[in-house]
Amino acid sequence: MKIKKNDLVKITTGKDLGKEGKVTQILIDENKVVVDGVNKTIKNLKSKNSQDKGRKIEFFAPVDYSNVQVICPSCKKSAKLGYKVENKNKVRVCKKCNAVIN
């Protein structure tokens, strides 16, 4: 997976098309990422006993990996990523401007 935690990404499809946010969590087994500020979901919780009240919890649900594109820090555009070997280290590279992304 070329996307890493704390990357700035842009949503390419769905109800949140065009929104940007930071990746907060990566779910490798499911090929999904959680992006801050995108795909907001509300979950209703029942009360466990008569004294407690039910409540609503708002959280950001995972988005499929294929619906997200990394924003290059140097050219400020969403771009595909590639890999390049420099000094025996594999680094991520922007396909539009060939800049190295940490």
N, C-alpha and C. Protein backbone atom coordinates (compact mmCIF):
# COMPACT_ATOMS: atom_id res chain seq x y z
N MET A 1 0.84 -1.17 0.00
CA MET A 1 0.00 0.00 0.00
C MET A 1 0.89 1.24 0.00
N LYS A 2 0.68 2.13 -0.94
CA LYS A 2 1.55 3.30 -1.08
C LYS A 2 1.15 4.45 -0.17
N ILE A 3 -0.06 4.42 0.35
CA ILE A 3 -0.51 5.47 1.26
C ILE A 3 -0.07 5.14 2.67
N LYS A 4 0.44 6.15 3.39
CA LYS A 4 0.91 5.96 4.76
C LYS A 4 0.14 6.86 5.71
N LYS A 5 0.28 6.58 6.99
CA LYS A 5 -0.37 7.38 8.02
C LYS A 5 0.16 8.82 7.96
N ASN A 6 -0.70 9.78 8.22
CA ASN A 6 -0.41 11.23 8.21
C ASN A 6 -0.20 11.80 6.81
N ASP A 7 -0.50 11.07 5.76
CA ASP A 7 -0.48 11.61 4.40
C ASP A 7 -1.71 12.48 4.18
N LEU A 8 -1.56 13.55 3.42
CA LEU A 8 -2.69 14.38 3.03
C LEU A 8 -3.27 13.78 1.76
N VAL A 9 -4.57 13.45 1.78
CA VAL A 9 -5.18 12.77 0.63
C VAL A 9 -6.44 13.49 0.18
N LYS A 10 -6.87 13.18 -1.04
CA LYS A 10 -8.08 13.75 -1.63
C LYS A 10 -8.99 12.58 -2.02
N ILE A 11 -10.29 12.73 -1.76
CA ILE A 11 -11.27 11.70 -2.10
C ILE A 11 -11.66 11.86 -3.57
N THR A 12 -11.64 10.76 -4.33
CA THR A 12 -11.89 10.82 -5.77
C THR A 12 -13.29 10.39 -6.17
N THR A 13 -14.01 9.66 -5.31
CA THR A 13 -15.37 9.23 -5.63
C THR A 13 -16.25 9.24 -4.39
N GLY A 14 -17.55 9.14 -4.59
CA GLY A 14 -18.48 9.00 -3.48
C GLY A 14 -19.08 10.32 -3.03
N LYS A 15 -19.76 10.27 -1.88
CA LYS A 15 -20.48 11.45 -1.38
C LYS A 15 -19.55 12.56 -0.92
N ASP A 16 -18.31 12.22 -0.60
CA ASP A 16 -17.33 13.21 -0.13
C ASP A 16 -16.33 13.57 -1.22
N LEU A 17 -16.75 13.52 -2.46
CA LEU A 17 -15.89 13.79 -3.61
C LEU A 17 -15.23 15.17 -3.49
N GLY A 18 -13.90 15.21 -3.61
CA GLY A 18 -13.16 16.46 -3.59
C GLY A 18 -12.68 16.90 -2.22
N LYS A 19 -13.15 16.25 -1.15
CA LYS A 19 -12.72 16.63 0.19
C LYS A 19 -11.29 16.15 0.44
N GLU A 20 -10.61 16.89 1.29
CA GLU A 20 -9.23 16.55 1.64
C GLU A 20 -9.12 16.30 3.13
N GLY A 21 -8.18 15.46 3.52
CA GLY A 21 -7.98 15.18 4.93
C GLY A 21 -6.72 14.36 5.14
N LYS A 22 -6.37 14.18 6.41
CA LYS A 22 -5.20 13.42 6.78
C LYS A 22 -5.58 11.98 7.10
N VAL A 23 -4.75 11.04 6.70
CA VAL A 23 -4.99 9.63 7.00
C VAL A 23 -4.66 9.40 8.47
N THR A 24 -5.63 8.88 9.23
CA THR A 24 -5.42 8.64 10.66
C THR A 24 -5.19 7.17 10.97
N GLN A 25 -5.70 6.28 10.11
CA GLN A 25 -5.57 4.85 10.37
C GLN A 25 -5.60 4.11 9.04
N ILE A 26 -4.86 2.99 8.98
CA ILE A 26 -4.82 2.16 7.79
C ILE A 26 -5.25 0.74 8.18
N LEU A 27 -6.22 0.20 7.46
CA LEU A 27 -6.69 -1.16 7.68
C LEU A 27 -6.20 -2.01 6.51
N ILE A 28 -5.05 -2.64 6.67
CA ILE A 28 -4.38 -3.33 5.58
C ILE A 28 -5.18 -4.54 5.10
N ASP A 29 -5.74 -5.32 6.03
CA ASP A 29 -6.47 -6.54 5.65
C ASP A 29 -7.70 -6.23 4.81
N GLU A 30 -8.34 -5.09 5.06
CA GLU A 30 -9.56 -4.73 4.35
C GLU A 30 -9.32 -3.78 3.19
N ASN A 31 -8.08 -3.34 2.98
CA ASN A 31 -7.72 -2.36 1.94
C ASN A 31 -8.51 -1.07 2.09
N LYS A 32 -8.56 -0.56 3.33
CA LYS A 32 -9.29 0.67 3.61
C LYS A 32 -8.43 1.61 4.44
N VAL A 33 -8.76 2.90 4.36
CA VAL A 33 -8.08 3.92 5.15
C VAL A 33 -9.13 4.79 5.83
N VAL A 34 -8.79 5.31 7.01
CA VAL A 34 -9.66 6.23 7.72
C VAL A 34 -9.07 7.63 7.54
N VAL A 35 -9.88 8.54 6.98
CA VAL A 35 -9.44 9.90 6.69
C VAL A 35 -10.19 10.85 7.61
N ASP A 36 -9.45 11.74 8.27
CA ASP A 36 -10.05 12.69 9.19
C ASP A 36 -10.93 13.69 8.44
N GLY A 37 -12.19 13.81 8.85
CA GLY A 37 -13.11 14.76 8.23
C GLY A 37 -13.88 14.23 7.04
N VAL A 38 -13.74 12.94 6.74
CA VAL A 38 -14.38 12.35 5.57
C VAL A 38 -15.20 11.12 5.99
N ASN A 39 -16.36 10.93 5.38
CA ASN A 39 -17.23 9.77 5.62
C ASN A 39 -17.69 9.72 7.08
N LYS A 40 -18.25 10.83 7.55
CA LYS A 40 -18.74 10.92 8.93
C LYS A 40 -19.97 10.04 9.10
N THR A 41 -19.96 9.23 10.15
CA THR A 41 -21.04 8.28 10.41
C THR A 41 -21.51 8.43 11.84
N ILE A 42 -22.79 8.21 12.07
CA ILE A 42 -23.36 8.28 13.41
C ILE A 42 -23.85 6.90 13.81
N LYS A 43 -23.47 6.48 15.01
CA LYS A 43 -23.88 5.18 15.53
C LYS A 43 -24.70 5.42 16.80
N ASN A 44 -25.88 4.80 16.90
CA ASN A 44 -26.73 4.94 18.07
C ASN A 44 -26.43 3.81 19.05
N LEU A 45 -26.17 4.17 20.30
CA LEU A 45 -25.92 3.17 21.34
C LEU A 45 -27.11 3.13 22.29
N LYS A 46 -27.54 1.92 22.61
CA LYS A 46 -28.63 1.74 23.57
C LYS A 46 -28.10 1.93 24.98
N SER A 47 -29.02 2.19 25.90
CA SER A 47 -28.63 2.26 27.30
C SER A 47 -28.45 0.84 27.84
N LYS A 48 -27.47 0.65 28.70
CA LYS A 48 -27.21 -0.68 29.25
C LYS A 48 -28.12 -0.99 30.44
N ASN A 49 -28.53 0.03 31.15
CA ASN A 49 -29.49 -0.16 32.23
C ASN A 49 -30.44 1.03 32.26
N SER A 50 -31.38 1.02 33.19
CA SER A 50 -32.41 2.06 33.20
C SER A 50 -31.89 3.43 33.62
N GLN A 51 -30.74 3.47 34.28
CA GLN A 51 -30.20 4.75 34.75
C GLN A 51 -29.43 5.48 33.64
N ASP A 52 -28.81 4.75 32.75
CA ASP A 52 -28.04 5.36 31.66
C ASP A 52 -28.96 5.77 30.53
N LYS A 53 -28.52 6.75 29.78
CA LYS A 53 -29.25 7.18 28.59
C LYS A 53 -28.56 6.61 27.36
N GLY A 54 -29.32 6.45 26.30
CA GLY A 54 -28.74 6.10 25.02
C GLY A 54 -28.02 7.32 24.47
N ARG A 55 -27.11 7.11 23.56
CA ARG A 55 -26.37 8.24 23.01
C ARG A 55 -25.98 7.99 21.57
N LYS A 56 -25.57 9.04 20.93
CA LYS A 56 -25.09 8.96 19.55
C LYS A 56 -23.58 9.18 19.55
N ILE A 57 -22.89 8.34 18.79
CA ILE A 57 -21.44 8.49 18.64
C ILE A 57 -21.15 8.82 17.18
N GLU A 58 -20.42 9.89 16.97
CA GLU A 58 -20.01 10.28 15.61
C GLU A 58 -18.57 9.87 15.40
N PHE A 59 -18.29 9.24 14.27
CA PHE A 59 -16.93 8.81 13.95
C PHE A 59 -16.74 8.82 12.44
N PHE A 60 -15.50 8.73 12.03
CA PHE A 60 -15.17 8.71 10.61
C PHE A 60 -14.96 7.26 10.18
N ALA A 61 -15.81 6.78 9.31
CA ALA A 61 -15.76 5.39 8.85
C ALA A 61 -14.67 5.22 7.79
N PRO A 62 -14.18 3.99 7.62
CA PRO A 62 -13.13 3.75 6.62
C PRO A 62 -13.62 3.96 5.19
N VAL A 63 -12.71 4.38 4.34
CA VAL A 63 -12.95 4.59 2.92
C VAL A 63 -12.06 3.61 2.17
N ASP A 64 -12.54 3.09 1.04
CA ASP A 64 -11.74 2.15 0.27
C ASP A 64 -10.46 2.83 -0.25
N TYR A 65 -9.40 2.07 -0.26
CA TYR A 65 -8.07 2.55 -0.66
C TYR A 65 -8.07 3.09 -2.09
N SER A 66 -8.87 2.50 -2.96
CA SER A 66 -8.88 2.90 -4.37
C SER A 66 -9.58 4.24 -4.60
N ASN A 67 -10.32 4.74 -3.60
CA ASN A 67 -11.06 6.00 -3.75
C ASN A 67 -10.30 7.19 -3.18
N VAL A 68 -9.01 7.02 -2.93
CA VAL A 68 -8.19 8.05 -2.28
C VAL A 68 -6.93 8.27 -3.11
N GLN A 69 -6.52 9.54 -3.23
CA GLN A 69 -5.30 9.87 -3.95
C GLN A 69 -4.46 10.83 -3.12
N VAL A 70 -3.16 10.58 -3.04
CA VAL A 70 -2.26 11.40 -2.23
C VAL A 70 -2.04 12.75 -2.89
N ILE A 71 -1.98 13.81 -2.05
CA ILE A 71 -1.67 15.15 -2.53
C ILE A 71 -0.18 15.37 -2.34
N CYS A 72 0.51 15.68 -3.43
CA CYS A 72 1.96 15.90 -3.39
C CYS A 72 2.27 17.19 -2.65
N PRO A 73 3.18 17.16 -1.67
CA PRO A 73 3.50 18.39 -0.92
C PRO A 73 4.22 19.45 -1.75
N SER A 74 4.92 19.05 -2.82
CA SER A 74 5.67 20.04 -3.59
C SER A 74 4.82 20.71 -4.68
N CYS A 75 4.02 19.94 -5.42
CA CYS A 75 3.22 20.54 -6.49
C CYS A 75 1.77 20.82 -6.07
N LYS A 76 1.36 20.39 -4.87
CA LYS A 76 0.03 20.65 -4.30
C LYS A 76 -1.11 20.11 -5.15
N LYS A 77 -0.87 19.04 -5.92
CA LYS A 77 -1.89 18.41 -6.74
C LYS A 77 -2.02 16.95 -6.33
N SER A 78 -3.22 16.38 -6.54
CA SER A 78 -3.37 14.95 -6.28
C SER A 78 -2.70 14.18 -7.41
N ALA A 79 -1.89 13.21 -7.05
CA ALA A 79 -1.12 12.49 -8.05
C ALA A 79 -0.95 11.04 -7.67
N LYS A 80 -0.66 10.22 -8.66
CA LYS A 80 -0.32 8.83 -8.40
C LYS A 80 1.10 8.77 -7.86
N LEU A 81 1.39 7.71 -7.15
CA LEU A 81 2.71 7.54 -6.57
C LEU A 81 3.45 6.39 -7.22
N GLY A 82 4.76 6.50 -7.26
CA GLY A 82 5.61 5.42 -7.73
C GLY A 82 6.74 5.23 -6.75
N TYR A 83 7.55 4.25 -7.00
CA TYR A 83 8.70 3.98 -6.14
C TYR A 83 9.99 4.19 -6.92
N LYS A 84 11.03 4.60 -6.20
CA LYS A 84 12.33 4.82 -6.80
C LYS A 84 13.37 4.41 -5.76
N VAL A 85 14.48 3.83 -6.20
CA VAL A 85 15.53 3.43 -5.28
C VAL A 85 16.63 4.49 -5.29
N GLU A 86 16.87 5.07 -4.11
CA GLU A 86 17.93 6.06 -3.95
C GLU A 86 18.81 5.64 -2.78
N ASN A 87 20.09 5.50 -3.03
CA ASN A 87 21.05 5.12 -1.98
C ASN A 87 20.60 3.88 -1.21
N LYS A 88 20.19 2.87 -1.94
CA LYS A 88 19.72 1.59 -1.38
C LYS A 88 18.48 1.74 -0.51
N ASN A 89 17.76 2.84 -0.65
CA ASN A 89 16.50 3.04 0.06
C ASN A 89 15.38 3.21 -0.96
N LYS A 90 14.25 2.58 -0.68
CA LYS A 90 13.08 2.68 -1.54
C LYS A 90 12.25 3.88 -1.08
N VAL A 91 12.03 4.85 -1.96
CA VAL A 91 11.29 6.07 -1.61
C VAL A 91 10.08 6.22 -2.53
N ARG A 92 9.06 6.93 -2.04
CA ARG A 92 7.87 7.22 -2.84
C ARG A 92 8.11 8.48 -3.66
N VAL A 93 7.62 8.46 -4.91
CA VAL A 93 7.86 9.56 -5.84
C VAL A 93 6.54 9.97 -6.47
N CYS A 94 6.31 11.28 -6.59
CA CYS A 94 5.14 11.82 -7.28
C CYS A 94 5.32 11.60 -8.78
N LYS A 95 4.29 11.09 -9.44
CA LYS A 95 4.37 10.83 -10.89
C LYS A 95 4.26 12.10 -11.73
N LYS A 96 3.72 13.20 -11.15
CA LYS A 96 3.56 14.43 -11.93
C LYS A 96 4.83 15.27 -11.93
N CYS A 97 5.44 15.45 -10.74
CA CYS A 97 6.60 16.35 -10.66
C CYS A 97 7.90 15.63 -10.28
N ASN A 98 7.86 14.32 -10.12
CA ASN A 98 9.03 13.50 -9.76
C ASN A 98 9.70 13.92 -8.45
N ALA A 99 8.93 14.50 -7.54
CA ALA A 99 9.46 14.88 -6.23
C ALA A 99 9.36 13.70 -5.26
N VAL A 100 10.33 13.60 -4.37
CA VAL A 100 10.35 12.53 -3.37
C VAL A 100 9.39 12.92 -2.24
N ILE A 101 8.53 11.96 -1.85
CA ILE A 101 7.58 12.17 -0.76
C ILE A 101 8.02 11.34 0.42
N ASN A 102 8.15 11.95 1.58
CA ASN A 102 8.60 11.24 2.77
C ASN A 102 7.52 10.33 3.29
